[in-house]
Amino acid sequence: MAIVKPFKGIRPPKDLVEKVESRPYDVLDSGEARAEAGDNEMSLYHIIKPEINFPEGTSEYDPRVYECAAQTFQKFQDNGWLVQDEKEQYYIYAQTMNGKTQYGLVVGAYVEDYLNGVIKKHELTRADKEEDRMKHVRVNNANIEPVFFAYPDNEVLAKIISRYASTTPEYDFIAPIDGFGHKLWIVSDEEDIRTITAEFAKMPSLYIADGHHRSAAAALVGAEKAKQNPNHRGDEEYNYFMAVCFPASQLTILDYNRVVRDLNGMTPAEFLKALEKNFTVEKKGTENYRPQQLHEFSLYLEGEWYSLKAKPGTYDDTDPIGVLDVSISSRLILDELLNITDLRRDKRIDFVGGLRGLGELKRRVDSGEMKMALALYPVTMQQIMDIADSGKIMPPKATWFEPKLRSGLVIHKLS
């Protein structure tokens, strides 16, 4: 059963939240963070992308950079730009994108739940990325940014959230760049806190939606601290890490598409002919064409869009991994026809998140940078949960969640 707890969040004062908040560290590079922070010394980028405090070209992995993150985090607290709440409480975080709102509960998730599989993952993590985030958690002694979880829909929690959502939020702002809305409420009522804790305790599993490396790093640092503490009891704050948990039915997963530099020596006509072995190929013209259902793909090639429908027998409906469109396209197109077998390392392929739209796929092909583009139908949250429940791992670059969590609304200290 899932164990969660309230915590004393460290937050910006209401009038400073739009100065402090930022996008997550891993959705932009150092140059973009430097530009977005500009002359705003309160921007959280100075903590989560601390290389921007050094001359351009400084490695984000430089030991001085991590130390600067800790010094800057302390500076934010000393200056009153971040202030710790006086009591342990939960928080409700709402995001609105394209008129749709999803409501998450900000909780302290239990480290042991991650280690024993109650918190389930669907992606592999890389040791180098884990170590980077572990250093960041260690040096700050805090989870500066949250991870993104899903939970099975729960009527009791829905009623609590609905009640708070009808009141005035603590924070309410529109984020720059993407124009998405963000709101935060504080849950300080003791009865509500007890109910939230009890309802999570009935759940057999929580699911990592986004933030696998942050989850791994936070849990491993917590376990590390427990091992190092000769008087470890099990109720210390480092036994928990910060997560925003959303009902699974509310989440939006966008397509995660592919662009490829060449056709592995084939002409466009030869490539289209080769596709007919496993797909029903239908030309759709020059207007953007999006897949309409599972196992249908949109191909953009030589200024034309094509529908590719996987033929019966080319996939196994009983295989939770093999039935995924990312698996079908990787096996029957990228591997079999284009000899692209390692999606993580092959330089002939790149990936485009669905928020950028089909126009971005078309642009990259029309520019001559890429030869073809492949648009996929989005993975469903149910597919992700089924795979996580089966103990299997999804192929790389399979999911793209939007909107991303804003960072800096709440921070969790480990002591």
Protein backbone atom coordinates (compact mmCIF):
# COMPACT_ATOMS: atom_id res chain seq x y z
CA MET A 1 0.00 0.00 0.00
CA ALA A 2 1.24 3.52 -0.81
CA ILE A 3 2.57 5.59 2.07
CA VAL A 4 2.53 9.39 1.79
CA LYS A 5 2.88 12.19 4.31
CA PRO A 6 2.37 15.96 4.49
CA PHE A 7 5.47 18.15 4.81
CA LYS A 8 6.56 21.72 5.59
CA GLY A 9 6.95 23.07 2.09
CA ILE A 10 9.42 25.81 1.25
CA ARG A 11 7.64 28.26 -1.05
CA PRO A 12 7.86 31.74 -2.52
CA PRO A 13 5.66 34.44 -0.97
CA LYS A 14 2.53 34.94 -3.04
CA ASP A 15 3.77 38.20 -4.60
CA LEU A 16 7.07 36.60 -5.69
CA VAL A 17 5.92 33.28 -7.13
CA GLU A 18 6.05 34.46 -10.75
CA LYS A 19 9.58 35.73 -10.19
CA VAL A 20 10.77 32.43 -8.72
CA GLU A 21 8.92 29.69 -10.65
CA SER A 22 10.47 28.09 -13.72
CA ARG A 23 10.27 25.25 -16.17
CA PRO A 24 11.86 21.92 -15.10
CA TYR A 25 15.64 21.63 -15.39
CA ASP A 26 15.53 18.94 -18.07
CA VAL A 27 13.33 20.60 -20.70
CA LEU A 28 15.79 23.33 -21.68
CA ASP A 29 19.51 23.71 -22.12
CA SER A 30 21.90 26.06 -20.35
CA GLY A 31 21.62 28.78 -22.99
CA GLU A 32 17.83 28.76 -22.86
CA ALA A 33 17.86 28.88 -19.05
CA ARG A 34 20.31 31.78 -19.13
CA ALA A 35 18.06 33.66 -21.54
CA GLU A 36 14.87 32.95 -19.59
CA ALA A 37 16.43 33.98 -16.28
CA GLY A 38 17.77 37.18 -17.83
CA ASP A 39 18.41 39.74 -15.10
CA ASN A 40 15.91 38.12 -12.71
CA GLU A 41 18.04 37.11 -9.72
CA MET A 42 15.01 35.39 -8.13
CA SER A 43 14.61 32.87 -10.96
CA LEU A 44 14.82 29.27 -9.78
CA TYR A 45 17.11 28.59 -12.75
CA HIS A 46 19.91 29.96 -10.55
CA ILE A 47 19.38 26.86 -8.36
CA ILE A 48 18.29 24.14 -10.80
CA LYS A 49 20.52 25.29 -13.71
CA PRO A 50 23.31 26.86 -11.62
CA GLU A 51 25.80 26.77 -14.48
CA ILE A 52 24.11 29.99 -15.66
CA ASN A 53 25.84 31.72 -12.71
CA PHE A 54 29.20 31.00 -14.38
CA PRO A 55 30.73 32.07 -17.71
CA GLU A 56 29.15 30.51 -20.79
CA GLY A 57 30.62 27.12 -21.56
CA THR A 58 31.02 26.08 -17.91
CA SER A 59 30.03 22.43 -17.54
CA GLU A 60 26.81 21.79 -15.65
CA TYR A 61 28.68 18.90 -13.98
CA ASP A 62 31.51 21.08 -12.61
CA PRO A 63 31.74 20.58 -8.80
CA ARG A 64 31.63 24.37 -8.38
CA VAL A 65 28.26 24.41 -10.11
CA TYR A 66 26.66 22.01 -7.61
CA GLU A 67 28.10 23.98 -4.70
CA CYS A 68 26.74 27.17 -6.21
CA ALA A 69 23.26 25.58 -6.27
CA ALA A 70 23.41 25.05 -2.50
CA GLN A 71 24.73 28.55 -1.84
CA THR A 72 22.02 30.06 -4.01
CA PHE A 73 19.29 27.98 -2.38
CA GLN A 74 20.43 29.31 1.00
CA LYS A 75 20.54 32.86 -0.41
CA PHE A 76 16.92 32.55 -1.58
CA GLN A 77 15.91 31.54 1.96
CA ASP A 78 18.01 34.25 3.63
CA ASN A 79 16.44 36.88 1.36
CA GLY A 80 12.90 35.68 2.00
CA TRP A 81 12.36 34.64 -1.60
CA LEU A 82 11.66 31.12 -0.31
CA VAL A 83 10.00 30.62 3.09
CA GLN A 84 9.26 27.36 4.91
CA ASP A 85 5.70 26.72 6.04
CA GLU A 86 5.26 26.32 9.80
CA LYS A 87 3.26 23.08 9.73
CA GLU A 88 3.16 19.88 7.75
CA GLN A 89 0.49 20.00 5.07
CA TYR A 90 -0.44 18.80 1.64
CA TYR A 91 -0.85 21.03 -1.41
CA ILE A 92 -3.16 20.86 -4.43
CA TYR A 93 -1.61 21.87 -7.74
CA ALA A 94 -3.76 22.51 -10.82
CA GLN A 95 -2.54 22.90 -14.40
CA THR A 96 -4.69 24.13 -17.28
CA MET A 97 -3.76 23.46 -20.91
CA ASN A 98 -6.05 24.17 -23.86
CA GLY A 99 -9.06 24.54 -21.58
CA LYS A 100 -8.46 21.24 -19.73
CA THR A 101 -7.45 21.24 -16.05
CA GLN A 102 -5.76 18.45 -14.10
CA TYR A 103 -5.50 18.50 -10.30
CA GLY A 104 -2.60 16.92 -8.44
CA LEU A 105 -1.80 16.39 -4.76
CA VAL A 106 1.69 17.42 -3.67
CA VAL A 107 2.85 14.81 -1.15
CA GLY A 108 5.89 13.32 0.49
CA ALA A 109 6.27 9.94 -1.24
CA TYR A 110 7.92 7.11 0.69
CA VAL A 111 11.45 6.12 -0.32
CA GLU A 112 10.87 2.49 0.63
CA ASP A 113 7.84 2.39 -1.69
CA TYR A 114 10.15 3.25 -4.60
CA LEU A 115 12.72 0.66 -3.55
CA ASN A 116 10.18 -2.16 -3.09
CA GLY A 117 8.14 -1.46 -6.24
CA VAL A 118 4.97 0.07 -4.78
CA ILE A 119 5.97 3.14 -6.79
CA LYS A 120 6.18 1.68 -10.28
CA LYS A 121 8.28 2.81 -13.20
CA HIS A 122 7.96 2.21 -16.93
CA GLU A 123 11.29 3.58 -18.21
CA LEU A 124 14.94 2.68 -17.78
CA THR A 125 17.20 5.25 -16.14
CA ARG A 126 20.81 6.09 -16.96
CA ALA A 127 23.40 5.96 -14.18
CA ASP A 128 25.05 9.24 -15.23
CA LYS A 129 21.76 11.14 -15.11
CA GLU A 130 20.86 9.55 -11.76
CA GLU A 131 24.21 10.59 -10.30
CA ASP A 132 23.78 14.17 -11.53
CA ARG A 133 20.43 14.51 -9.76
CA MET A 134 21.74 12.72 -6.67
CA LYS A 135 24.51 15.29 -6.38
CA HIS A 136 21.94 18.06 -6.68
CA VAL A 137 19.73 16.53 -3.95
CA ARG A 138 22.73 15.88 -1.68
CA VAL A 139 24.24 19.34 -1.93
CA ASN A 140 20.91 21.10 -1.35
CA ASN A 141 19.62 18.54 1.18
CA ALA A 142 16.29 19.03 -0.56
CA ASN A 143 14.07 17.97 -3.44
CA ILE A 144 14.04 21.28 -5.27
CA GLU A 145 11.81 19.95 -8.06
CA PRO A 146 8.88 17.51 -7.82
CA VAL A 147 8.37 14.27 -9.68
CA PHE A 148 5.15 13.50 -11.54
CA PHE A 149 3.06 10.50 -10.40
CA ALA A 150 -0.30 9.05 -11.40
CA TYR A 151 -2.71 7.21 -9.14
CA PRO A 152 -5.89 5.22 -9.81
CA ASP A 153 -8.92 7.52 -9.73
CA ASN A 154 -10.27 7.96 -6.21
CA GLU A 155 -13.69 9.42 -5.44
CA VAL A 156 -12.85 10.55 -1.89
CA LEU A 157 -9.78 12.45 -3.04
CA ALA A 158 -11.73 13.91 -5.96
CA LYS A 159 -14.29 15.40 -3.55
CA ILE A 160 -11.59 16.96 -1.38
CA ILE A 161 -9.85 18.43 -4.40
CA SER A 162 -13.13 19.76 -5.80
CA ARG A 163 -13.93 21.47 -2.51
CA TYR A 164 -10.57 23.30 -2.44
CA ALA A 165 -10.75 24.11 -6.15
CA SER A 166 -13.91 26.13 -5.49
CA THR A 167 -11.94 28.46 -3.17
CA THR A 168 -9.37 31.17 -3.89
CA PRO A 169 -5.94 29.60 -4.56
CA GLU A 170 -2.70 30.63 -2.91
CA TYR A 171 -1.05 30.97 -6.34
CA ASP A 172 -2.74 31.68 -9.65
CA PHE A 173 -0.70 32.61 -12.72
CA ILE A 174 -0.22 32.02 -16.43
CA ALA A 175 3.25 30.73 -17.29
CA PRO A 176 5.23 32.60 -19.92
CA ILE A 177 6.13 30.95 -23.23
CA ASP A 178 3.43 28.25 -23.28
CA GLY A 179 0.55 30.21 -21.73
CA PHE A 180 -0.59 27.34 -19.48
CA GLY A 181 -2.36 28.13 -16.21
CA HIS A 182 -1.09 27.09 -12.77
CA LYS A 183 -2.81 27.25 -9.38
CA LEU A 184 -1.87 26.04 -5.89
CA TRP A 185 -3.99 25.52 -2.77
CA ILE A 186 -2.78 24.67 0.74
CA VAL A 187 -4.39 21.73 2.56
CA SER A 188 -3.82 22.47 6.25
CA ASP A 189 -7.05 21.07 7.73
CA GLU A 190 -6.11 18.12 9.94
CA GLU A 191 -9.11 16.01 8.99
CA ASP A 192 -8.41 16.50 5.28
CA ILE A 193 -4.75 15.61 5.86
CA ARG A 194 -5.72 12.40 7.67
CA THR A 195 -8.19 11.48 4.91
CA ILE A 196 -5.66 12.04 2.11
CA THR A 197 -3.06 9.93 3.92
CA ALA A 198 -5.60 7.17 4.53
CA GLU A 199 -6.86 7.10 0.92
CA PHE A 200 -3.34 6.74 -0.47
CA ALA A 201 -2.76 3.91 2.02
CA LYS A 202 -5.54 1.97 0.25
CA MET A 203 -3.76 2.17 -3.13
CA PRO A 204 -1.65 -0.84 -4.09
CA SER A 205 0.54 1.24 -6.41
CA LEU A 206 1.57 4.69 -7.57
CA TYR A 207 2.96 5.19 -11.07
CA ILE A 208 5.79 7.42 -12.23
CA ALA A 209 4.48 9.38 -15.18
CA ASP A 210 7.40 11.77 -15.72
CA GLY A 211 10.65 12.22 -13.82
CA HIS A 212 12.19 8.75 -13.62
CA HIS A 213 15.70 10.09 -13.01
CA ARG A 214 14.54 12.53 -10.32
CA SER A 215 12.57 9.74 -8.64
CA ALA A 216 15.54 7.38 -8.66
CA ALA A 217 17.91 10.07 -7.40
CA ALA A 218 15.59 11.20 -4.61
CA ALA A 219 14.95 7.65 -3.42
CA LEU A 220 18.61 6.64 -3.57
CA VAL A 221 19.73 9.70 -1.61
CA GLY A 222 17.06 8.97 0.99
CA ALA A 223 18.25 5.38 1.30
CA GLU A 224 21.84 6.61 1.48
CA LYS A 225 21.00 8.95 4.37
CA ALA A 226 19.23 6.15 6.22
CA LYS A 227 22.30 3.94 5.91
CA GLN A 228 24.62 6.70 7.10
CA ASN A 229 22.51 7.52 10.18
CA PRO A 230 23.40 5.19 13.11
CA ASN A 231 20.25 6.36 14.90
CA HIS A 232 17.93 5.90 11.92
CA ARG A 233 14.31 5.46 13.06
CA GLY A 234 12.39 5.48 9.79
CA ASP A 235 10.32 8.60 10.31
CA GLU A 236 12.99 11.13 9.33
CA GLU A 237 12.16 13.56 6.54
CA TYR A 238 14.79 12.03 4.24
CA ASN A 239 12.61 8.91 4.08
CA TYR A 240 10.28 10.87 1.79
CA PHE A 241 10.62 12.78 -1.46
CA MET A 242 8.32 15.28 -3.14
CA ALA A 243 5.83 14.11 -5.77
CA VAL A 244 2.77 15.60 -7.45
CA CYS A 245 0.17 12.84 -7.82
CA PHE A 246 -2.59 13.15 -10.43
CA PRO A 247 -5.61 10.92 -11.07
CA ALA A 248 -4.70 8.77 -14.06
CA SER A 249 -7.83 9.71 -16.03
CA GLN A 250 -6.93 13.42 -16.02
CA LEU A 251 -3.49 13.12 -17.57
CA THR A 252 -2.71 14.17 -21.12
CA ILE A 253 -0.13 12.14 -23.02
CA LEU A 254 0.91 13.57 -26.35
CA ASP A 255 2.44 11.78 -29.31
CA TYR A 256 6.23 11.44 -29.33
CA ASN A 257 7.28 11.47 -32.95
CA ARG A 258 10.34 10.52 -34.98
CA VAL A 259 12.37 12.21 -37.72
CA VAL A 260 15.01 10.27 -39.69
CA ARG A 261 17.95 11.59 -41.74
CA ASP A 262 18.00 9.00 -44.56
CA LEU A 263 16.22 5.97 -46.03
CA ASN A 264 19.10 3.52 -45.57
CA GLY A 265 20.04 3.63 -49.26
CA MET A 266 16.49 3.27 -50.61
CA THR A 267 14.71 5.69 -52.91
CA PRO A 268 11.38 7.07 -51.62
CA ALA A 269 9.54 4.74 -54.02
CA GLU A 270 11.51 1.71 -52.81
CA PHE A 271 10.86 2.67 -49.18
CA LEU A 272 7.11 3.01 -49.75
CA LYS A 273 7.07 -0.34 -51.53
CA ALA A 274 8.97 -2.00 -48.67
CA LEU A 275 6.43 -0.64 -46.18
CA GLU A 276 3.62 -2.51 -47.95
CA LYS A 277 4.86 -5.82 -46.52
CA ASN A 278 3.59 -4.94 -43.04
CA PHE A 279 1.38 -1.87 -43.55
CA THR A 280 -1.57 -0.74 -45.60
CA VAL A 281 -0.15 2.41 -47.21
CA GLU A 282 -2.50 5.20 -48.31
CA LYS A 283 -1.45 8.58 -49.69
CA LYS A 284 -3.16 11.48 -47.85
CA GLY A 285 -1.84 14.50 -49.75
CA THR A 286 0.00 17.62 -48.65
CA GLU A 287 -2.21 18.64 -45.71
CA ASN A 288 -1.00 17.56 -42.27
CA TYR A 289 -2.40 14.14 -41.43
CA ARG A 290 -2.53 12.84 -37.86
CA PRO A 291 -2.98 9.14 -36.94
CA GLN A 292 -6.60 8.48 -36.02
CA GLN A 293 -6.23 5.28 -33.99
CA LEU A 294 -3.81 2.83 -32.43
CA HIS A 295 -1.56 1.01 -34.91
CA GLU A 296 -1.91 3.77 -37.50
CA PHE A 297 1.09 5.97 -38.30
CA SER A 298 1.51 9.13 -40.34
CA LEU A 299 4.51 9.26 -42.66
CA TYR A 300 5.77 12.53 -44.17
CA LEU A 301 8.03 12.00 -47.17
CA GLU A 302 8.89 14.11 -50.21
CA GLY A 303 6.19 16.70 -49.42
CA GLU A 304 3.39 14.11 -49.04
CA TRP A 305 1.62 12.58 -46.04
CA TYR A 306 0.79 8.85 -45.92
CA SER A 307 -1.31 6.73 -43.59
CA LEU A 308 0.39 3.49 -42.53
CA LYS A 309 -1.90 0.93 -40.85
CA ALA A 310 -0.19 -2.10 -39.35
CA LYS A 311 -1.61 -5.29 -40.85
CA PRO A 312 -3.21 -7.95 -38.63
CA GLY A 313 -0.63 -10.46 -37.49
CA THR A 314 2.22 -7.95 -37.33
CA TYR A 315 1.75 -7.45 -33.58
CA ASP A 316 0.53 -9.48 -30.62
CA ASP A 317 -2.41 -7.99 -28.67
CA THR A 318 -1.48 -10.07 -25.61
CA ASP A 319 2.04 -8.60 -25.39
CA PRO A 320 1.84 -5.29 -23.43
CA ILE A 321 5.15 -4.10 -24.93
CA GLY A 322 4.90 -5.53 -28.43
CA VAL A 323 1.44 -4.08 -28.99
CA LEU A 324 2.68 -0.52 -28.42
CA ASP A 325 2.94 1.63 -31.52
CA VAL A 326 6.46 2.68 -30.51
CA SER A 327 7.40 -1.02 -30.56
CA ILE A 328 5.65 -1.72 -33.88
CA SER A 329 7.25 1.26 -35.61
CA SER A 330 10.68 0.51 -34.13
CA ARG A 331 10.57 -3.15 -35.14
CA LEU A 332 8.95 -2.96 -38.58
CA ILE A 333 10.17 0.42 -39.85
CA LEU A 334 13.19 1.74 -37.99
CA ASP A 335 14.93 -1.61 -37.43
CA GLU A 336 13.79 -3.82 -40.31
CA LEU A 337 13.89 -1.20 -43.07
CA LEU A 338 16.17 1.60 -41.87
CA ASN A 339 18.65 -0.33 -39.70
CA ILE A 340 18.12 1.95 -36.72
CA THR A 341 18.37 -0.40 -33.75
CA ASP A 342 19.47 1.86 -30.87
CA LEU A 343 17.02 4.72 -30.37
CA ARG A 344 19.07 6.21 -27.54
CA ARG A 345 22.35 6.56 -29.44
CA ASP A 346 21.78 6.43 -33.20
CA LYS A 347 22.52 9.88 -34.67
CA ARG A 348 20.31 9.22 -37.72
CA ILE A 349 17.13 9.66 -35.68
CA ASP A 350 15.71 12.45 -33.55
CA PHE A 351 12.50 12.84 -31.54
CA VAL A 352 9.89 15.58 -31.50
CA GLY A 353 7.40 16.03 -28.65
CA GLY A 354 3.77 16.29 -29.74
CA LEU A 355 3.36 19.81 -28.33
CA ARG A 356 5.37 21.08 -31.30
CA GLY A 357 2.78 19.71 -33.68
CA LEU A 358 2.97 18.06 -37.09
CA GLY A 359 4.18 21.33 -38.54
CA GLU A 360 7.53 20.83 -36.81
CA LEU A 361 7.90 17.40 -38.45
CA LYS A 362 7.11 18.89 -41.85
CA ARG A 363 9.53 21.78 -41.28
CA ARG A 364 12.45 19.52 -40.43
CA VAL A 365 11.90 17.36 -43.50
CA ASP A 366 11.22 20.25 -45.88
CA SER A 367 14.38 22.01 -44.68
CA GLY A 368 16.45 19.05 -45.89
CA GLU A 369 17.73 18.31 -42.37
CA MET A 370 15.68 15.10 -42.27
CA LYS A 371 14.46 12.77 -45.01
CA MET A 372 11.23 11.51 -43.43
CA ALA A 373 9.03 11.94 -40.38
CA LEU A 374 6.84 9.45 -38.55
CA ALA A 375 3.94 10.57 -36.33
CA LEU A 376 2.56 8.12 -33.76
CA TYR A 377 -0.77 7.79 -31.98
CA PRO A 378 -0.26 8.68 -28.29
CA VAL A 379 0.29 5.99 -25.68
CA THR A 380 -2.55 5.78 -23.15
CA MET A 381 -2.15 6.02 -19.38
CA GLN A 382 -3.79 2.62 -19.09
CA GLN A 383 -1.08 1.13 -21.32
CA ILE A 384 1.59 2.69 -19.11
CA MET A 385 -0.02 1.33 -15.94
CA ASP A 386 -0.45 -2.14 -17.47
CA ILE A 387 3.23 -2.22 -18.44
CA ALA A 388 4.35 -0.98 -15.03
CA ASP A 389 2.13 -3.58 -13.34
CA SER A 390 3.66 -6.32 -15.49
CA GLY A 391 7.15 -5.28 -14.37
CA LYS A 392 8.20 -4.52 -17.93
CA ILE A 393 9.87 -1.41 -19.34
CA MET A 394 8.63 0.70 -22.23
CA PRO A 395 10.82 1.42 -25.24
CA PRO A 396 12.71 4.73 -25.10
CA LYS A 397 11.05 7.95 -26.23
CA ALA A 398 7.54 6.55 -25.86
CA THR A 399 5.69 9.13 -23.76
CA TRP A 400 5.42 12.91 -23.70
CA PHE A 401 3.38 14.40 -20.88
CA GLU A 402 2.04 17.93 -21.04
CA PRO A 403 1.80 20.28 -19.34
CA LYS A 404 5.10 19.94 -17.51
CA LEU A 405 5.16 20.66 -13.80
CA ARG A 406 6.42 24.14 -12.94
CA SER A 407 9.30 24.13 -10.49
CA GLY A 408 9.65 26.41 -7.49
CA LEU A 409 6.05 26.36 -6.27
CA VAL A 410 6.94 23.98 -3.40
CA ILE A 411 10.30 22.57 -2.27
CA HIS A 412 10.83 19.68 0.17
CA LYS A 413 13.73 19.76 2.63
CA LEU A 414 15.21 16.43 3.75
CA SER A 415 15.73 17.56 7.35
